[in-house]
Structure formats: C-alpha cells, structure tokens
Amino acid sequence: MPGMPGFEFVRKVREIEPNVKILLMSAFEISDLEFSRALPSDTKIDGFVQKPVSPKELVRVIEDTVV
C-alpha cells in the first residue's frame, strides 16, 4: 500500500471504529508463523488471505471473519 504500511492503516481504522472487521490480503508469500511474528502485538486483525485466492476461498474467509 503506497504511503502507509498495512499495519499502520489497521491501527488508524481501529482508532475511528474499534469494532470494524478487518481482513488483510497480501500478494507476498508468507507463512502463518512469519506473519504472526511480523504482526505488531497491538494490531488486531480478523482475517488474512494471500493472493492468488479463488473466489470460493475468499467468500469462505469473509464469512468466517464476519461471524
């Protein structure tokens, strides 16, 4: 994301609306372990998906995130 890292964006959105559901998507290949290490401890997200992702998988992740 040009100009602002995704984690910073998440923090700014949470300042405005703490209860909003946030699903991050990345084109960079990263393991779950690497992602959890990179995610700042004060940054709460509700889901994560990596591209390429099928429409079916994206819908599943969104549904899991919303519930």
N, C-alpha and C. Protein backbone atom coordinates (compact mmCIF):
# COMPACT_ATOMS: atom_id res chain seq x y z
N MET A 1 0.85 -1.16 0.00
CA MET A 1 0.00 0.00 0.00
C MET A 1 0.90 1.23 0.00
N PRO A 2 0.85 2.01 -1.02
CA PRO A 2 1.73 3.17 -1.10
C PRO A 2 1.48 4.19 0.01
N GLY A 3 2.57 4.64 0.62
CA GLY A 3 2.47 5.72 1.59
C GLY A 3 2.18 5.33 3.02
N MET A 4 1.64 4.14 3.24
CA MET A 4 1.33 3.74 4.60
C MET A 4 1.33 2.21 4.68
N PRO A 5 2.12 1.66 5.60
CA PRO A 5 2.09 0.20 5.78
C PRO A 5 0.70 -0.27 6.22
N GLY A 6 0.34 -1.48 5.83
CA GLY A 6 -0.97 -2.02 6.16
C GLY A 6 -1.26 -2.04 7.64
N PHE A 7 -0.27 -2.38 8.47
CA PHE A 7 -0.49 -2.45 9.91
C PHE A 7 -0.81 -1.07 10.48
N GLU A 8 -0.17 -0.05 9.95
CA GLU A 8 -0.47 1.32 10.40
C GLU A 8 -1.89 1.70 9.99
N PHE A 9 -2.29 1.32 8.79
CA PHE A 9 -3.65 1.58 8.32
C PHE A 9 -4.67 0.93 9.26
N VAL A 10 -4.39 -0.33 9.65
CA VAL A 10 -5.29 -1.04 10.55
C VAL A 10 -5.44 -0.27 11.86
N ARG A 11 -4.33 0.20 12.42
CA ARG A 11 -4.39 0.94 13.68
C ARG A 11 -5.23 2.22 13.53
N LYS A 12 -5.06 2.92 12.41
CA LYS A 12 -5.82 4.16 12.19
C LYS A 12 -7.32 3.87 12.04
N VAL A 13 -7.66 2.81 11.35
CA VAL A 13 -9.07 2.43 11.20
C VAL A 13 -9.65 2.09 12.57
N ARG A 14 -8.91 1.35 13.38
CA ARG A 14 -9.39 0.96 14.72
C ARG A 14 -9.59 2.18 15.62
N GLU A 15 -8.79 3.23 15.42
CA GLU A 15 -8.98 4.46 16.20
C GLU A 15 -10.35 5.08 15.90
N ILE A 16 -10.76 4.99 14.63
CA ILE A 16 -12.03 5.56 14.21
C ILE A 16 -13.19 4.66 14.59
N GLU A 17 -13.05 3.36 14.35
CA GLU A 17 -14.12 2.39 14.61
C GLU A 17 -13.51 1.10 15.16
N PRO A 18 -13.42 0.98 16.48
CA PRO A 18 -12.74 -0.16 17.11
C PRO A 18 -13.35 -1.52 16.79
N ASN A 19 -14.63 -1.57 16.45
CA ASN A 19 -15.29 -2.86 16.25
C ASN A 19 -15.41 -3.30 14.80
N VAL A 20 -14.81 -2.54 13.88
CA VAL A 20 -14.88 -2.90 12.47
C VAL A 20 -14.10 -4.20 12.24
N LYS A 21 -14.61 -5.04 11.34
CA LYS A 21 -13.92 -6.28 10.98
C LYS A 21 -12.87 -5.95 9.93
N ILE A 22 -11.66 -6.45 10.12
CA ILE A 22 -10.56 -6.16 9.19
C ILE A 22 -9.97 -7.46 8.68
N LEU A 23 -9.96 -7.59 7.36
CA LEU A 23 -9.38 -8.73 6.67
C LEU A 23 -8.25 -8.20 5.80
N LEU A 24 -7.03 -8.66 6.05
CA LEU A 24 -5.89 -8.24 5.25
C LEU A 24 -5.66 -9.23 4.12
N MET A 25 -5.21 -8.70 2.98
CA MET A 25 -4.87 -9.52 1.83
C MET A 25 -3.49 -9.10 1.35
N SER A 26 -2.67 -10.08 0.99
CA SER A 26 -1.32 -9.78 0.53
C SER A 26 -0.97 -10.61 -0.70
N ALA A 27 -0.18 -10.01 -1.56
CA ALA A 27 0.34 -10.73 -2.72
C ALA A 27 1.69 -11.37 -2.40
N PHE A 28 2.25 -11.05 -1.23
CA PHE A 28 3.53 -11.61 -0.83
C PHE A 28 3.32 -12.95 -0.14
N GLU A 29 4.13 -13.93 -0.52
CA GLU A 29 4.03 -15.24 0.10
C GLU A 29 4.67 -15.19 1.48
N ILE A 30 3.91 -15.57 2.50
CA ILE A 30 4.40 -15.54 3.87
C ILE A 30 3.70 -16.66 4.65
N SER A 31 4.45 -17.35 5.48
CA SER A 31 3.85 -18.42 6.28
C SER A 31 3.08 -17.81 7.44
N ASP A 32 2.20 -18.61 8.02
CA ASP A 32 1.42 -18.14 9.17
C ASP A 32 2.36 -17.73 10.31
N LEU A 33 3.42 -18.49 10.52
CA LEU A 33 4.37 -18.18 11.59
C LEU A 33 5.08 -16.86 11.32
N GLU A 34 5.55 -16.67 10.08
CA GLU A 34 6.21 -15.41 9.72
C GLU A 34 5.25 -14.23 9.87
N PHE A 35 4.00 -14.44 9.46
CA PHE A 35 3.01 -13.37 9.56
C PHE A 35 2.76 -13.00 11.01
N SER A 36 2.59 -14.00 11.86
CA SER A 36 2.32 -13.71 13.27
C SER A 36 3.50 -13.01 13.93
N ARG A 37 4.71 -13.31 13.50
CA ARG A 37 5.89 -12.62 14.02
C ARG A 37 5.97 -11.18 13.53
N ALA A 38 5.52 -10.95 12.29
CA ALA A 38 5.59 -9.60 11.70
C ALA A 38 4.46 -8.70 12.20
N LEU A 39 3.34 -9.30 12.61
CA LEU A 39 2.19 -8.52 13.06
C LEU A 39 2.49 -7.89 14.42
N PRO A 40 2.50 -6.57 14.48
CA PRO A 40 2.74 -5.93 15.78
C PRO A 40 1.70 -6.38 16.80
N SER A 41 2.12 -6.57 18.04
CA SER A 41 1.22 -7.11 19.07
C SER A 41 0.01 -6.22 19.33
N ASP A 42 0.11 -4.94 19.02
CA ASP A 42 -1.03 -4.03 19.25
C ASP A 42 -1.93 -3.90 18.03
N THR A 43 -1.73 -4.74 17.02
CA THR A 43 -2.52 -4.67 15.79
C THR A 43 -3.45 -5.87 15.72
N LYS A 44 -4.76 -5.63 15.84
CA LYS A 44 -5.75 -6.70 15.81
C LYS A 44 -6.37 -6.78 14.42
N ILE A 45 -6.27 -7.96 13.81
CA ILE A 45 -6.96 -8.20 12.54
C ILE A 45 -7.90 -9.38 12.74
N ASP A 46 -8.87 -9.50 11.86
CA ASP A 46 -9.86 -10.57 11.98
C ASP A 46 -9.65 -11.70 10.98
N GLY A 47 -8.82 -11.46 9.98
CA GLY A 47 -8.55 -12.50 9.00
C GLY A 47 -7.43 -12.09 8.08
N PHE A 48 -6.86 -13.07 7.39
CA PHE A 48 -5.76 -12.83 6.47
C PHE A 48 -5.86 -13.82 5.32
N VAL A 49 -5.62 -13.33 4.12
CA VAL A 49 -5.64 -14.18 2.93
C VAL A 49 -4.51 -13.75 2.01
N GLN A 50 -3.96 -14.73 1.29
CA GLN A 50 -2.87 -14.45 0.35
C GLN A 50 -3.34 -14.66 -1.08
N LYS A 51 -2.90 -13.76 -1.95
CA LYS A 51 -3.18 -13.92 -3.38
C LYS A 51 -2.22 -14.96 -3.94
N PRO A 52 -2.58 -15.69 -4.95
CA PRO A 52 -3.92 -15.72 -5.56
C PRO A 52 -4.88 -16.50 -4.67
N VAL A 53 -6.09 -16.07 -4.66
CA VAL A 53 -7.14 -16.73 -3.88
C VAL A 53 -8.35 -16.91 -4.78
N SER A 54 -8.95 -18.07 -4.69
CA SER A 54 -10.13 -18.33 -5.51
C SER A 54 -11.33 -17.57 -4.93
N PRO A 55 -12.29 -17.26 -5.77
CA PRO A 55 -13.49 -16.58 -5.26
C PRO A 55 -14.16 -17.39 -4.14
N LYS A 56 -14.20 -18.70 -4.28
CA LYS A 56 -14.82 -19.56 -3.27
C LYS A 56 -14.09 -19.44 -1.93
N GLU A 57 -12.76 -19.48 -1.95
CA GLU A 57 -11.97 -19.36 -0.73
C GLU A 57 -12.12 -17.96 -0.12
N LEU A 58 -12.15 -16.93 -0.95
CA LEU A 58 -12.32 -15.57 -0.45
C LEU A 58 -13.68 -15.41 0.26
N VAL A 59 -14.72 -15.96 -0.32
CA VAL A 59 -16.04 -15.90 0.30
C VAL A 59 -16.01 -16.64 1.64
N ARG A 60 -15.35 -17.80 1.70
CA ARG A 60 -15.26 -18.56 2.94
C ARG A 60 -14.56 -17.75 4.03
N VAL A 61 -13.44 -17.12 3.68
CA VAL A 61 -12.69 -16.33 4.65
C VAL A 61 -13.51 -15.13 5.13
N ILE A 62 -14.20 -14.48 4.21
CA ILE A 62 -15.05 -13.34 4.59
C ILE A 62 -16.15 -13.80 5.52
N GLU A 63 -16.81 -14.89 5.18
CA GLU A 63 -17.88 -15.39 6.05
C GLU A 63 -17.35 -15.78 7.43
N ASP A 64 -16.18 -16.39 7.48
CA ASP A 64 -15.58 -16.77 8.76
C ASP A 64 -15.21 -15.52 9.57
N THR A 65 -14.82 -14.45 8.90
CA THR A 65 -14.40 -13.23 9.56
C THR A 65 -15.60 -12.48 10.12
N VAL A 66 -16.69 -12.47 9.41
CA VAL A 66 -17.87 -11.71 9.81
C VAL A 66 -18.57 -12.36 11.00
N VAL A 67 -18.56 -13.66 11.05
CA VAL A 67 -19.28 -14.38 12.13
C VAL A 67 -18.56 -14.30 13.43
